N, C-alpha and C. Protein backbone atom coordinates (compact mmCIF):
# COMPACT_ATOMS: atom_id res chain seq x y z
N MET A 1 87.00 82.59 93.49
CA MET A 1 85.90 81.64 93.79
C MET A 1 85.63 81.62 95.29
N ARG A 2 84.37 81.81 95.67
CA ARG A 2 83.98 81.80 97.07
C ARG A 2 83.97 80.38 97.63
N ARG A 3 84.26 80.28 98.92
CA ARG A 3 84.26 78.96 99.54
C ARG A 3 82.84 78.53 99.85
N ALA A 4 82.65 77.22 99.96
CA ALA A 4 81.32 76.67 100.26
C ALA A 4 80.87 77.12 101.65
N ASP A 5 79.57 77.18 101.86
CA ASP A 5 79.01 77.69 103.11
C ASP A 5 79.44 76.89 104.33
N PHE A 6 79.72 75.58 104.16
CA PHE A 6 80.02 74.76 105.33
C PHE A 6 81.44 74.97 105.83
N GLN A 7 82.27 75.66 105.08
CA GLN A 7 83.64 75.88 105.51
C GLN A 7 83.73 77.02 106.52
N ARG A 8 84.73 76.92 107.38
CA ARG A 8 84.92 77.93 108.41
C ARG A 8 85.21 79.29 107.80
N LYS A 9 84.67 80.32 108.41
CA LYS A 9 84.95 81.67 107.93
C LYS A 9 86.41 82.04 108.18
N THR A 10 86.94 82.88 107.31
CA THR A 10 88.30 83.40 107.49
C THR A 10 88.26 84.47 108.58
N ARG A 11 89.05 84.25 109.62
CA ARG A 11 89.03 85.15 110.77
C ARG A 11 90.03 86.28 110.58
N VAL A 12 89.57 87.50 110.86
CA VAL A 12 90.38 88.69 110.61
C VAL A 12 90.49 89.54 111.88
N ILE A 13 91.66 90.10 112.11
CA ILE A 13 91.85 91.10 113.16
C ILE A 13 92.26 92.40 112.49
N VAL A 14 91.61 93.48 112.86
CA VAL A 14 91.90 94.81 112.31
C VAL A 14 92.71 95.60 113.33
N VAL A 15 93.89 96.05 112.92
CA VAL A 15 94.76 96.84 113.80
C VAL A 15 94.81 98.27 113.27
N ASP A 16 94.14 99.18 113.98
CA ASP A 16 94.05 100.57 113.52
C ASP A 16 93.70 101.43 114.73
N ASP A 17 94.47 102.49 114.97
CA ASP A 17 94.21 103.34 116.14
C ASP A 17 93.06 104.30 115.92
N ASN A 18 92.57 104.40 114.67
CA ASN A 18 91.41 105.24 114.36
C ASN A 18 90.16 104.39 114.56
N TYR A 19 89.46 104.62 115.66
CA TYR A 19 88.31 103.77 116.02
C TYR A 19 87.23 103.77 114.94
N ASP A 20 86.90 104.95 114.42
CA ASP A 20 85.84 105.03 113.41
C ASP A 20 86.22 104.27 112.14
N HIS A 21 87.48 104.42 111.74
CA HIS A 21 87.93 103.73 110.53
C HIS A 21 87.94 102.22 110.75
N ALA A 22 88.44 101.79 111.91
CA ALA A 22 88.48 100.36 112.23
C ALA A 22 87.08 99.77 112.28
N SER A 23 86.14 100.52 112.86
CA SER A 23 84.76 100.05 112.96
C SER A 23 84.13 99.94 111.58
N GLY A 24 84.44 100.90 110.71
CA GLY A 24 83.91 100.86 109.35
C GLY A 24 84.41 99.65 108.59
N ILE A 25 85.68 99.35 108.75
CA ILE A 25 86.26 98.17 108.09
C ILE A 25 85.62 96.90 108.63
N ARG A 26 85.43 96.88 109.94
CA ARG A 26 84.82 95.70 110.57
C ARG A 26 83.41 95.44 110.00
N GLU A 27 82.61 96.48 109.92
CA GLU A 27 81.25 96.33 109.41
C GLU A 27 81.27 95.88 107.95
N LEU A 28 82.17 96.45 107.19
CA LEU A 28 82.29 96.11 105.77
C LEU A 28 82.65 94.64 105.59
N ILE A 29 83.65 94.18 106.33
CA ILE A 29 84.11 92.80 106.20
C ILE A 29 83.05 91.81 106.68
N ASN A 30 82.38 92.17 107.77
CA ASN A 30 81.38 91.26 108.33
C ASN A 30 80.14 91.11 107.46
N LEU A 31 79.99 91.97 106.46
CA LEU A 31 78.90 91.81 105.50
C LEU A 31 79.15 90.64 104.55
N GLU A 32 80.43 90.23 104.47
CA GLU A 32 80.82 89.14 103.58
C GLU A 32 80.64 87.79 104.29
N ASN A 33 80.08 86.83 103.60
CA ASN A 33 79.82 85.52 104.20
C ASN A 33 81.10 84.77 104.57
N ASP A 34 82.18 85.05 103.85
CA ASP A 34 83.40 84.27 104.04
C ASP A 34 84.30 84.78 105.14
N TYR A 35 83.99 85.96 105.69
CA TYR A 35 84.90 86.59 106.64
C TYR A 35 84.22 86.98 107.95
N GLU A 36 85.04 87.02 109.00
CA GLU A 36 84.55 87.45 110.30
C GLU A 36 85.67 88.20 111.02
N VAL A 37 85.41 89.46 111.37
CA VAL A 37 86.39 90.21 112.17
C VAL A 37 86.20 89.80 113.62
N ILE A 38 87.19 89.13 114.16
CA ILE A 38 87.06 88.61 115.53
C ILE A 38 87.54 89.61 116.58
N ALA A 39 88.27 90.66 116.14
CA ALA A 39 88.73 91.66 117.10
C ALA A 39 89.28 92.88 116.38
N ASN A 40 89.21 94.02 117.06
CA ASN A 40 89.89 95.24 116.65
C ASN A 40 90.95 95.54 117.70
N ALA A 41 92.08 96.09 117.27
CA ALA A 41 93.12 96.48 118.22
C ALA A 41 93.55 97.91 117.93
N GLY A 42 93.60 98.73 118.98
CA GLY A 42 93.97 100.13 118.82
C GLY A 42 95.44 100.41 118.97
N ASN A 43 96.21 99.38 119.40
CA ASN A 43 97.66 99.54 119.45
C ASN A 43 98.32 98.20 119.18
N VAL A 44 99.60 98.23 118.87
CA VAL A 44 100.29 97.02 118.40
C VAL A 44 100.47 95.99 119.50
N ASN A 45 100.75 96.43 120.72
CA ASN A 45 100.95 95.47 121.81
C ASN A 45 99.70 94.64 122.07
N VAL A 46 98.55 95.30 122.04
CA VAL A 46 97.28 94.57 122.19
C VAL A 46 97.09 93.63 121.00
N ALA A 47 97.41 94.12 119.83
CA ALA A 47 97.28 93.30 118.62
C ALA A 47 98.12 92.03 118.70
N LEU A 48 99.35 92.17 119.16
CA LEU A 48 100.23 91.00 119.26
C LEU A 48 99.67 89.97 120.24
N SER A 49 99.11 90.45 121.33
CA SER A 49 98.50 89.53 122.31
C SER A 49 97.31 88.80 121.70
N LEU A 50 96.48 89.54 120.97
CA LEU A 50 95.31 88.93 120.33
C LEU A 50 95.71 87.93 119.25
N ILE A 51 96.73 88.29 118.48
CA ILE A 51 97.19 87.39 117.42
C ILE A 51 97.76 86.10 118.01
N LYS A 52 98.53 86.26 119.08
CA LYS A 52 99.11 85.08 119.74
C LYS A 52 98.01 84.18 120.31
N LYS A 53 96.97 84.80 120.84
CA LYS A 53 95.89 84.03 121.47
C LYS A 53 94.97 83.37 120.46
N TYR A 54 94.54 84.13 119.43
CA TYR A 54 93.52 83.63 118.51
C TYR A 54 94.08 83.12 117.18
N GLN A 55 95.32 83.51 116.86
CA GLN A 55 95.95 83.09 115.61
C GLN A 55 95.00 83.24 114.41
N PRO A 56 94.61 84.47 114.12
CA PRO A 56 93.68 84.72 113.01
C PRO A 56 94.31 84.36 111.67
N ASP A 57 93.49 84.24 110.66
CA ASP A 57 93.98 83.93 109.33
C ASP A 57 94.66 85.15 108.69
N ILE A 58 94.06 86.32 108.92
CA ILE A 58 94.56 87.55 108.30
C ILE A 58 94.54 88.70 109.31
N VAL A 59 95.55 89.53 109.25
CA VAL A 59 95.58 90.76 110.03
C VAL A 59 95.68 91.94 109.07
N LEU A 60 94.78 92.90 109.23
CA LEU A 60 94.87 94.15 108.49
C LEU A 60 95.63 95.12 109.39
N MET A 61 96.86 95.46 108.99
CA MET A 61 97.75 96.24 109.84
C MET A 61 97.93 97.67 109.34
N ASP A 62 97.43 98.62 110.12
CA ASP A 62 97.66 100.03 109.80
C ASP A 62 99.15 100.30 109.98
N MET A 63 99.79 100.88 108.95
CA MET A 63 101.23 101.08 109.00
C MET A 63 101.62 102.32 109.79
N ASN A 64 100.66 103.14 110.15
CA ASN A 64 100.97 104.38 110.86
C ASN A 64 100.37 104.34 112.26
N MET A 65 100.89 103.42 113.08
CA MET A 65 100.40 103.28 114.45
C MET A 65 101.19 104.18 115.39
N PRO A 66 100.57 104.66 116.48
CA PRO A 66 101.24 105.62 117.36
C PRO A 66 102.32 105.03 118.25
N ASP A 67 102.19 103.76 118.62
CA ASP A 67 103.13 103.18 119.59
C ASP A 67 104.32 102.50 118.90
N ILE A 68 104.03 101.65 117.94
CA ILE A 68 105.06 100.91 117.21
C ILE A 68 104.75 101.02 115.72
N ASP A 69 105.75 101.32 114.92
CA ASP A 69 105.49 101.49 113.49
C ASP A 69 105.09 100.17 112.84
N GLY A 70 104.43 100.26 111.70
CA GLY A 70 103.89 99.08 111.03
C GLY A 70 104.94 98.06 110.62
N ILE A 71 106.11 98.52 110.18
CA ILE A 71 107.18 97.61 109.77
C ILE A 71 107.62 96.75 110.94
N THR A 72 107.83 97.40 112.09
CA THR A 72 108.23 96.66 113.30
C THR A 72 107.12 95.71 113.72
N ALA A 73 105.88 96.16 113.61
CA ALA A 73 104.73 95.33 114.00
C ALA A 73 104.68 94.06 113.15
N ILE A 74 104.87 94.19 111.85
CA ILE A 74 104.85 93.02 110.97
C ILE A 74 105.98 92.07 111.34
N SER A 75 107.14 92.63 111.63
CA SER A 75 108.29 91.82 112.04
C SER A 75 107.98 91.04 113.32
N GLU A 76 107.32 91.70 114.27
CA GLU A 76 106.97 91.04 115.54
C GLU A 76 105.93 89.94 115.32
N ILE A 77 105.02 90.17 114.39
CA ILE A 77 104.03 89.13 114.07
C ILE A 77 104.72 87.92 113.48
N GLU A 78 105.69 88.16 112.60
CA GLU A 78 106.45 87.06 112.00
C GLU A 78 107.15 86.23 113.06
N LYS A 79 107.63 86.89 114.11
CA LYS A 79 108.34 86.19 115.18
C LYS A 79 107.43 85.27 116.00
N LEU A 80 106.12 85.54 115.95
CA LEU A 80 105.17 84.70 116.70
C LEU A 80 105.06 83.30 116.11
N ASN A 81 105.55 83.16 114.88
CA ASN A 81 105.55 81.86 114.21
C ASN A 81 104.14 81.27 114.11
N VAL A 82 103.18 82.12 113.75
CA VAL A 82 101.81 81.67 113.50
C VAL A 82 101.57 81.75 111.99
N LYS A 83 100.46 81.19 111.55
CA LYS A 83 100.18 81.15 110.12
C LYS A 83 99.41 82.38 109.63
N THR A 84 99.33 83.37 110.48
CA THR A 84 98.62 84.60 110.15
C THR A 84 99.28 85.34 109.00
N ARG A 85 98.48 85.78 108.04
CA ARG A 85 98.98 86.57 106.92
C ARG A 85 98.63 88.04 107.17
N VAL A 86 99.57 88.91 106.86
CA VAL A 86 99.38 90.34 107.13
C VAL A 86 99.16 91.11 105.83
N ILE A 87 98.14 91.97 105.85
CA ILE A 87 97.93 92.92 104.76
C ILE A 87 98.20 94.31 105.32
N ALA A 88 99.16 95.01 104.74
CA ALA A 88 99.49 96.37 105.18
C ALA A 88 98.40 97.32 104.71
N LEU A 89 97.94 98.15 105.64
CA LEU A 89 96.86 99.10 105.36
C LEU A 89 97.38 100.50 105.64
N THR A 90 97.37 101.37 104.63
CA THR A 90 97.98 102.68 104.82
C THR A 90 97.36 103.74 103.93
N GLY A 91 97.62 104.98 104.27
CA GLY A 91 97.16 106.09 103.45
C GLY A 91 98.23 106.59 102.50
N TYR A 92 99.41 105.93 102.53
CA TYR A 92 100.54 106.40 101.74
C TYR A 92 100.94 105.39 100.66
N ASP A 93 101.16 105.89 99.44
CA ASP A 93 101.62 105.00 98.37
C ASP A 93 103.14 105.16 98.21
N ASP A 94 103.83 105.13 99.33
CA ASP A 94 105.28 105.30 99.38
C ASP A 94 105.96 104.00 98.93
N ALA A 95 106.77 104.09 97.86
CA ALA A 95 107.40 102.89 97.30
C ALA A 95 108.32 102.21 98.30
N ASP A 96 109.05 103.00 99.07
CA ASP A 96 109.96 102.43 100.07
C ASP A 96 109.19 101.68 101.14
N LEU A 97 108.07 102.25 101.57
CA LEU A 97 107.24 101.61 102.59
C LEU A 97 106.64 100.32 102.06
N ILE A 98 106.18 100.34 100.83
CA ILE A 98 105.62 99.14 100.20
C ILE A 98 106.69 98.04 100.16
N PHE A 99 107.88 98.41 99.69
CA PHE A 99 108.96 97.44 99.56
C PHE A 99 109.34 96.83 100.91
N ARG A 100 109.50 97.70 101.92
CA ARG A 100 109.91 97.20 103.23
C ARG A 100 108.84 96.33 103.87
N ALA A 101 107.57 96.70 103.67
CA ALA A 101 106.48 95.90 104.22
C ALA A 101 106.43 94.52 103.59
N MET A 102 106.55 94.46 102.28
CA MET A 102 106.51 93.17 101.58
C MET A 102 107.76 92.35 101.90
N LYS A 103 108.90 93.02 102.01
CA LYS A 103 110.15 92.31 102.29
C LYS A 103 110.13 91.69 103.68
N ILE A 104 109.54 92.37 104.64
CA ILE A 104 109.53 91.88 106.02
C ILE A 104 108.49 90.79 106.25
N GLY A 105 107.54 90.64 105.30
CA GLY A 105 106.60 89.53 105.46
C GLY A 105 105.15 89.81 105.11
N ALA A 106 104.79 91.05 104.80
CA ALA A 106 103.40 91.35 104.43
C ALA A 106 103.02 90.61 103.15
N LYS A 107 101.81 90.10 103.11
CA LYS A 107 101.32 89.37 101.93
C LYS A 107 100.44 90.24 101.04
N GLY A 108 100.19 91.46 101.50
CA GLY A 108 99.37 92.36 100.70
C GLY A 108 99.58 93.79 101.15
N TYR A 109 99.19 94.71 100.29
CA TYR A 109 99.36 96.13 100.59
C TYR A 109 98.20 96.86 99.93
N ILE A 110 97.46 97.63 100.72
CA ILE A 110 96.30 98.33 100.16
C ILE A 110 96.18 99.71 100.78
N LEU A 111 95.72 100.66 99.97
CA LEU A 111 95.52 102.03 100.44
C LEU A 111 94.15 102.20 101.09
N LYS A 112 94.09 102.99 102.13
CA LYS A 112 92.82 103.24 102.82
C LYS A 112 91.81 103.94 101.93
N THR A 113 92.31 104.67 100.94
CA THR A 113 91.43 105.43 100.06
C THR A 113 90.80 104.58 98.96
N MET A 114 91.19 103.33 98.85
CA MET A 114 90.68 102.48 97.78
C MET A 114 89.26 102.01 98.07
N ALA A 115 88.57 101.64 97.05
CA ALA A 115 87.17 101.22 97.16
C ALA A 115 87.05 99.97 98.03
N SER A 116 85.90 99.86 98.69
CA SER A 116 85.67 98.73 99.59
C SER A 116 85.78 97.39 98.86
N ALA A 117 85.36 97.36 97.60
CA ALA A 117 85.43 96.12 96.83
C ALA A 117 86.87 95.65 96.67
N GLN A 118 87.81 96.61 96.60
CA GLN A 118 89.21 96.25 96.45
C GLN A 118 89.76 95.64 97.74
N LEU A 119 89.28 96.11 98.87
CA LEU A 119 89.69 95.53 100.15
C LEU A 119 89.25 94.08 100.22
N ILE A 120 88.02 93.80 99.84
CA ILE A 120 87.52 92.43 99.86
C ILE A 120 88.30 91.57 98.87
N HIS A 121 88.63 92.15 97.72
CA HIS A 121 89.43 91.41 96.73
C HIS A 121 90.80 91.08 97.31
N ALA A 122 91.39 92.02 98.04
CA ALA A 122 92.68 91.78 98.67
C ALA A 122 92.58 90.63 99.68
N LEU A 123 91.50 90.64 100.46
CA LEU A 123 91.29 89.55 101.43
C LEU A 123 91.15 88.22 100.72
N ASP A 124 90.40 88.20 99.63
CA ASP A 124 90.20 86.97 98.85
C ASP A 124 91.54 86.41 98.36
N GLU A 125 92.36 87.30 97.79
CA GLU A 125 93.64 86.87 97.22
C GLU A 125 94.57 86.32 98.30
N VAL A 126 94.70 87.06 99.38
CA VAL A 126 95.61 86.66 100.46
C VAL A 126 95.10 85.40 101.17
N ALA A 127 93.78 85.29 101.33
CA ALA A 127 93.20 84.10 101.97
C ALA A 127 93.49 82.85 101.17
N GLN A 128 93.67 83.01 99.85
CA GLN A 128 93.97 81.86 98.98
C GLN A 128 95.48 81.61 98.85
N GLY A 129 96.25 82.31 99.67
CA GLY A 129 97.69 82.09 99.66
C GLY A 129 98.45 82.90 98.63
N LYS A 130 97.78 83.87 98.01
CA LYS A 130 98.43 84.70 97.01
C LYS A 130 98.95 85.99 97.65
N VAL A 131 99.70 86.75 96.87
CA VAL A 131 100.18 88.06 97.30
C VAL A 131 99.38 89.12 96.56
N TYR A 132 98.94 90.15 97.28
CA TYR A 132 98.10 91.17 96.65
C TYR A 132 98.77 92.54 96.68
N LEU A 133 98.81 93.15 95.50
CA LEU A 133 99.28 94.53 95.36
C LEU A 133 98.43 95.17 94.28
N PRO A 134 97.73 96.27 94.59
CA PRO A 134 96.86 96.92 93.60
C PRO A 134 97.64 97.32 92.34
N ASN A 135 96.99 97.27 91.21
CA ASN A 135 97.64 97.61 89.94
C ASN A 135 98.27 99.00 89.98
N VAL A 136 97.59 99.92 90.64
CA VAL A 136 98.07 101.31 90.68
C VAL A 136 99.41 101.42 91.42
N LEU A 137 99.73 100.43 92.25
CA LEU A 137 100.97 100.46 93.00
C LEU A 137 102.05 99.53 92.44
N CYS A 138 101.67 98.65 91.54
CA CYS A 138 102.60 97.63 91.03
C CYS A 138 103.83 98.24 90.36
N SER A 139 103.60 99.19 89.43
CA SER A 139 104.73 99.76 88.70
C SER A 139 105.66 100.51 89.64
N LYS A 140 105.09 101.21 90.61
CA LYS A 140 105.91 101.94 91.58
C LYS A 140 106.74 100.97 92.40
N PHE A 141 106.14 99.86 92.81
CA PHE A 141 106.84 98.85 93.61
C PHE A 141 107.99 98.22 92.81
N PHE A 142 107.72 97.82 91.57
CA PHE A 142 108.75 97.14 90.79
C PHE A 142 109.86 98.09 90.34
N ASP A 143 109.53 99.35 90.09
CA ASP A 143 110.57 100.33 89.79
C ASP A 143 111.51 100.47 90.98
N TYR A 144 110.94 100.55 92.16
CA TYR A 144 111.75 100.67 93.37
C TYR A 144 112.58 99.41 93.57
N PHE A 145 111.95 98.26 93.37
CA PHE A 145 112.63 96.97 93.55
C PHE A 145 113.84 96.85 92.62
N GLN A 146 113.64 97.23 91.35
CA GLN A 146 114.74 97.12 90.39
C GLN A 146 115.88 98.07 90.74
N ASN A 147 115.56 99.28 91.16
CA ASN A 147 116.60 100.22 91.57
C ASN A 147 117.32 99.73 92.82
N TYR A 148 116.56 99.13 93.73
CA TYR A 148 117.15 98.59 94.96
C TYR A 148 118.14 97.49 94.63
N GLU A 149 117.76 96.60 93.71
CA GLU A 149 118.65 95.50 93.32
C GLU A 149 119.92 96.04 92.67
N LYS A 150 119.79 97.05 91.81
CA LYS A 150 120.96 97.64 91.17
C LYS A 150 121.90 98.25 92.20
N ASN A 151 121.32 98.95 93.17
CA ASN A 151 122.14 99.58 94.21
C ASN A 151 122.83 98.54 95.07
N GLU A 152 122.10 97.44 95.37
CA GLU A 152 122.69 96.37 96.18
C GLU A 152 123.88 95.74 95.47
N LYS A 153 123.73 95.50 94.18
CA LYS A 153 124.82 94.91 93.41
C LYS A 153 126.02 95.85 93.34
N GLN A 154 125.73 97.15 93.17
CA GLN A 154 126.81 98.14 93.10
C GLN A 154 127.55 98.21 94.43
N ASN A 155 126.79 98.22 95.52
CA ASN A 155 127.40 98.27 96.85
C ASN A 155 128.23 97.03 97.12
N ALA A 156 127.72 95.87 96.68
CA ALA A 156 128.45 94.61 96.87
C ALA A 156 129.76 94.62 96.09
N LYS A 157 129.68 95.17 94.86
CA LYS A 157 130.87 95.25 94.03
C LYS A 157 131.91 96.17 94.65
N GLU A 158 131.45 97.33 95.15
CA GLU A 158 132.37 98.28 95.78
C GLU A 158 132.97 97.69 97.04
N ASP A 159 132.17 96.95 97.79
CA ASP A 159 132.66 96.32 99.02
C ASP A 159 133.71 95.27 98.70
N GLU A 160 133.45 94.50 97.63
CA GLU A 160 134.39 93.46 97.23
C GLU A 160 135.70 94.07 96.75
N GLU A 161 135.62 95.23 96.11
CA GLU A 161 136.82 95.88 95.58
C GLU A 161 137.59 96.64 96.65
N ASN A 162 137.01 96.81 97.82
CA ASN A 162 137.68 97.52 98.91
C ASN A 162 138.71 96.59 99.55
N LEU A 163 139.97 96.86 99.32
CA LEU A 163 141.05 95.99 99.80
C LEU A 163 141.18 96.00 101.31
N LEU A 164 140.57 96.98 101.97
CA LEU A 164 140.60 97.01 103.44
C LEU A 164 139.94 95.77 104.05
N ASN A 165 139.03 95.17 103.28
CA ASN A 165 138.33 93.98 103.79
C ASN A 165 139.25 92.79 103.99
N TYR A 166 140.44 92.83 103.38
CA TYR A 166 141.36 91.70 103.47
C TYR A 166 142.32 91.82 104.66
N LEU A 167 142.23 92.93 105.38
CA LEU A 167 143.10 93.12 106.54
C LEU A 167 142.59 92.32 107.73
N THR A 168 143.53 91.80 108.53
CA THR A 168 143.13 91.14 109.78
C THR A 168 142.81 92.21 110.81
N ASN A 169 142.24 91.80 111.94
CA ASN A 169 141.92 92.76 113.00
C ASN A 169 143.16 93.48 113.49
N ARG A 170 144.25 92.73 113.65
CA ARG A 170 145.49 93.34 114.12
C ARG A 170 146.04 94.32 113.09
N GLU A 171 145.96 93.97 111.82
CA GLU A 171 146.43 94.87 110.77
C GLU A 171 145.59 96.15 110.73
N GLU A 172 144.30 96.02 111.00
CA GLU A 172 143.44 97.20 111.07
C GLU A 172 143.85 98.10 112.24
N GLU A 173 144.19 97.47 113.36
CA GLU A 173 144.64 98.25 114.52
C GLU A 173 145.91 99.02 114.19
N VAL A 174 146.84 98.34 113.54
CA VAL A 174 148.10 98.98 113.15
C VAL A 174 147.83 100.12 112.18
N LEU A 175 147.02 99.87 111.16
CA LEU A 175 146.72 100.89 110.17
C LEU A 175 146.01 102.08 110.83
N GLY A 176 145.12 101.79 111.76
CA GLY A 176 144.42 102.85 112.46
C GLY A 176 145.37 103.80 113.17
N LEU A 177 146.39 103.24 113.80
CA LEU A 177 147.38 104.05 114.50
C LEU A 177 148.26 104.81 113.51
N LEU A 178 148.57 104.18 112.39
CA LEU A 178 149.37 104.85 111.37
C LEU A 178 148.64 106.07 110.83
N THR A 179 147.33 105.96 110.65
CA THR A 179 146.56 107.09 110.13
C THR A 179 146.51 108.24 111.13
N GLN A 180 146.78 107.93 112.40
CA GLN A 180 146.82 108.97 113.43
C GLN A 180 148.21 109.58 113.57
N GLY A 181 149.15 109.10 112.73
CA GLY A 181 150.50 109.66 112.75
C GLY A 181 151.42 109.03 113.77
N VAL A 182 151.01 107.90 114.36
CA VAL A 182 151.84 107.23 115.36
C VAL A 182 153.01 106.53 114.68
N THR A 183 154.19 106.61 115.27
CA THR A 183 155.38 105.97 114.71
C THR A 183 155.33 104.47 114.92
N TYR A 184 156.22 103.74 114.23
CA TYR A 184 156.28 102.29 114.41
C TYR A 184 156.56 101.95 115.87
N LYS A 185 157.45 102.70 116.47
CA LYS A 185 157.80 102.46 117.88
C LYS A 185 156.58 102.73 118.76
N GLY A 186 155.84 103.78 118.43
CA GLY A 186 154.64 104.11 119.20
C GLY A 186 153.57 103.04 119.04
N VAL A 187 153.42 102.51 117.82
CA VAL A 187 152.46 101.44 117.57
C VAL A 187 152.81 100.22 118.42
N ALA A 188 154.12 99.88 118.43
CA ALA A 188 154.59 98.72 119.21
C ALA A 188 154.24 98.89 120.68
N LYS A 189 154.43 100.09 121.19
CA LYS A 189 154.17 100.36 122.60
C LYS A 189 152.68 100.27 122.91
N LYS A 190 151.87 100.84 122.05
CA LYS A 190 150.42 100.85 122.29
C LYS A 190 149.79 99.46 122.19
N LEU A 191 150.33 98.64 121.29
CA LEU A 191 149.75 97.30 121.07
C LEU A 191 150.50 96.21 121.83
N PHE A 192 151.53 96.61 122.58
CA PHE A 192 152.32 95.66 123.39
C PHE A 192 152.94 94.56 122.53
N ILE A 193 153.50 94.95 121.40
CA ILE A 193 154.20 94.03 120.51
C ILE A 193 155.55 94.64 120.15
N SER A 194 156.43 93.82 119.56
CA SER A 194 157.75 94.34 119.21
C SER A 194 157.67 95.20 117.95
N GLU A 195 158.68 96.06 117.78
CA GLU A 195 158.72 96.92 116.60
C GLU A 195 158.91 96.07 115.34
N THR A 196 159.60 94.94 115.48
CA THR A 196 159.78 94.03 114.34
C THR A 196 158.44 93.47 113.89
N THR A 197 157.60 93.12 114.87
CA THR A 197 156.26 92.61 114.55
C THR A 197 155.43 93.68 113.87
N VAL A 198 155.57 94.92 114.33
CA VAL A 198 154.85 96.03 113.71
C VAL A 198 155.23 96.13 112.24
N LYS A 199 156.53 96.06 111.96
CA LYS A 199 157.00 96.17 110.58
C LYS A 199 156.48 95.04 109.71
N THR A 200 156.36 93.84 110.32
CA THR A 200 155.80 92.70 109.58
C THR A 200 154.35 92.98 109.21
N HIS A 201 153.59 93.52 110.19
CA HIS A 201 152.18 93.87 109.92
C HIS A 201 152.09 94.94 108.85
N VAL A 202 152.97 95.93 108.91
CA VAL A 202 152.96 97.02 107.95
C VAL A 202 153.25 96.50 106.54
N ASN A 203 154.22 95.61 106.43
CA ASN A 203 154.53 95.02 105.12
C ASN A 203 153.33 94.26 104.56
N ASN A 204 152.63 93.53 105.45
CA ASN A 204 151.42 92.80 105.03
C ASN A 204 150.34 93.78 104.57
N ILE A 205 150.23 94.90 105.28
CA ILE A 205 149.24 95.92 104.91
C ILE A 205 149.57 96.49 103.53
N PHE A 206 150.84 96.78 103.29
CA PHE A 206 151.26 97.31 101.99
C PHE A 206 150.89 96.35 100.86
N GLN A 207 151.15 95.07 101.09
CA GLN A 207 150.87 94.07 100.05
C GLN A 207 149.36 93.97 99.78
N LYS A 208 148.58 93.93 100.85
CA LYS A 208 147.13 93.76 100.69
C LYS A 208 146.47 94.99 100.07
N LEU A 209 147.01 96.16 100.40
CA LEU A 209 146.42 97.39 99.85
C LEU A 209 147.07 97.79 98.53
N GLN A 210 148.08 97.01 98.13
CA GLN A 210 148.78 97.24 96.86
C GLN A 210 149.38 98.64 96.80
N VAL A 211 150.06 99.02 97.89
CA VAL A 211 150.74 100.31 97.97
C VAL A 211 152.22 100.09 98.30
N ASN A 212 153.01 101.16 98.20
CA ASN A 212 154.45 101.03 98.39
C ASN A 212 154.97 101.64 99.68
N ASP A 213 154.20 102.52 100.28
CA ASP A 213 154.70 103.15 101.50
C ASP A 213 153.55 103.56 102.42
N ARG A 214 153.91 104.08 103.58
CA ARG A 214 152.95 104.44 104.62
C ARG A 214 151.98 105.52 104.13
N THR A 215 152.50 106.52 103.44
CA THR A 215 151.65 107.62 102.96
C THR A 215 150.55 107.11 102.05
N GLN A 216 150.91 106.23 101.11
CA GLN A 216 149.92 105.67 100.18
C GLN A 216 148.89 104.82 100.94
N ALA A 217 149.36 104.09 101.94
CA ALA A 217 148.45 103.24 102.74
C ALA A 217 147.44 104.10 103.48
N VAL A 218 147.90 105.18 104.08
CA VAL A 218 147.03 106.07 104.84
C VAL A 218 146.02 106.75 103.91
N LEU A 219 146.48 107.22 102.75
CA LEU A 219 145.58 107.86 101.79
C LEU A 219 144.51 106.89 101.29
N TYR A 220 144.93 105.66 101.02
CA TYR A 220 143.97 104.65 100.56
C TYR A 220 142.92 104.42 101.64
N ALA A 221 143.37 104.29 102.88
CA ALA A 221 142.46 104.04 103.99
C ALA A 221 141.44 105.17 104.14
N ILE A 222 141.91 106.40 104.05
CA ILE A 222 141.02 107.55 104.20
C ILE A 222 140.01 107.60 103.06
N ASN A 223 140.47 107.38 101.84
CA ASN A 223 139.59 107.43 100.66
C ASN A 223 138.53 106.35 100.68
N LYS A 224 138.83 105.23 101.32
CA LYS A 224 137.89 104.11 101.38
C LYS A 224 137.05 104.11 102.66
N GLY A 225 137.07 105.22 103.40
CA GLY A 225 136.21 105.33 104.58
C GLY A 225 136.68 104.54 105.78
N PHE A 226 137.98 104.30 105.88
CA PHE A 226 138.51 103.48 106.97
C PHE A 226 138.20 104.08 108.34
N MET A 227 138.30 105.41 108.46
CA MET A 227 138.08 106.05 109.75
C MET A 227 136.64 105.87 110.21
N ASN A 228 135.68 105.90 109.28
CA ASN A 228 134.28 105.67 109.64
C ASN A 228 134.08 104.25 110.14
N ARG A 229 134.74 103.29 109.50
CA ARG A 229 134.67 101.89 109.95
C ARG A 229 135.19 101.76 111.37
N GLN A 230 136.29 102.46 111.66
CA GLN A 230 136.88 102.39 112.98
C GLN A 230 135.95 102.98 114.02
N ARG A 231 135.27 104.08 113.69
CA ARG A 231 134.34 104.70 114.63
C ARG A 231 133.19 103.77 114.96
N VAL A 232 132.70 103.05 113.93
CA VAL A 232 131.61 102.10 114.13
C VAL A 232 132.05 100.99 115.07
N LYS A 233 133.26 100.48 114.88
CA LYS A 233 133.78 99.41 115.73
C LYS A 233 133.90 99.88 117.18
N ILE A 234 134.39 101.12 117.34
CA ILE A 234 134.55 101.66 118.68
C ILE A 234 133.19 101.83 119.35
N ALA A 235 132.20 102.31 118.56
CA ALA A 235 130.85 102.52 119.10
C ALA A 235 130.23 101.20 119.53
N VAL A 236 130.45 100.16 118.73
CA VAL A 236 129.90 98.84 119.04
C VAL A 236 130.56 98.26 120.28
């Protein structure tokens, strides 16, 4: 349902580095009584400044910008804490891109190749507070979403079952040295603790990893990606 003539027009900013395409969209939208394109932006930094200044109702965001990618751009718009709604505009029907755009805050997603009437329909839906996704993309989006949820649950289950998560930081340090073949005496020297304390940590490691000796503990750690975790910690 169209809004009454006395109501303010919905203000739109088009973000697209292709001048001809952006101009075409602007002309198309401005033919509609309910909408007004108040600005075009050829790069994301300019777009962010315009959005912060004018706080438009809707932003049409090209996902393939040369300076900053569309996902990052949407994230930055969200950080502005304005009421602007973003519709992702792209030439790709990539399920991962659709999912990430919607997850980060986009309220709509439309292909550049779609008919002009569909663009206006997308604006209508999003302007009314709805979420818009073309029918041709819906099944692809939900298939990806369902697979993503399954993978997330599987990863969470595997993470929960990884007994390494129950080790303290000190126990991880001890285990890390054990995997390098360092003796108990060597561990004590490197960590500036007594050999008795090392043995206490080792016993705790055995209990938490449900193993009986050092060899089993080291094998468990390697099989569960312990060395990769250690590299990440060192890098951080």
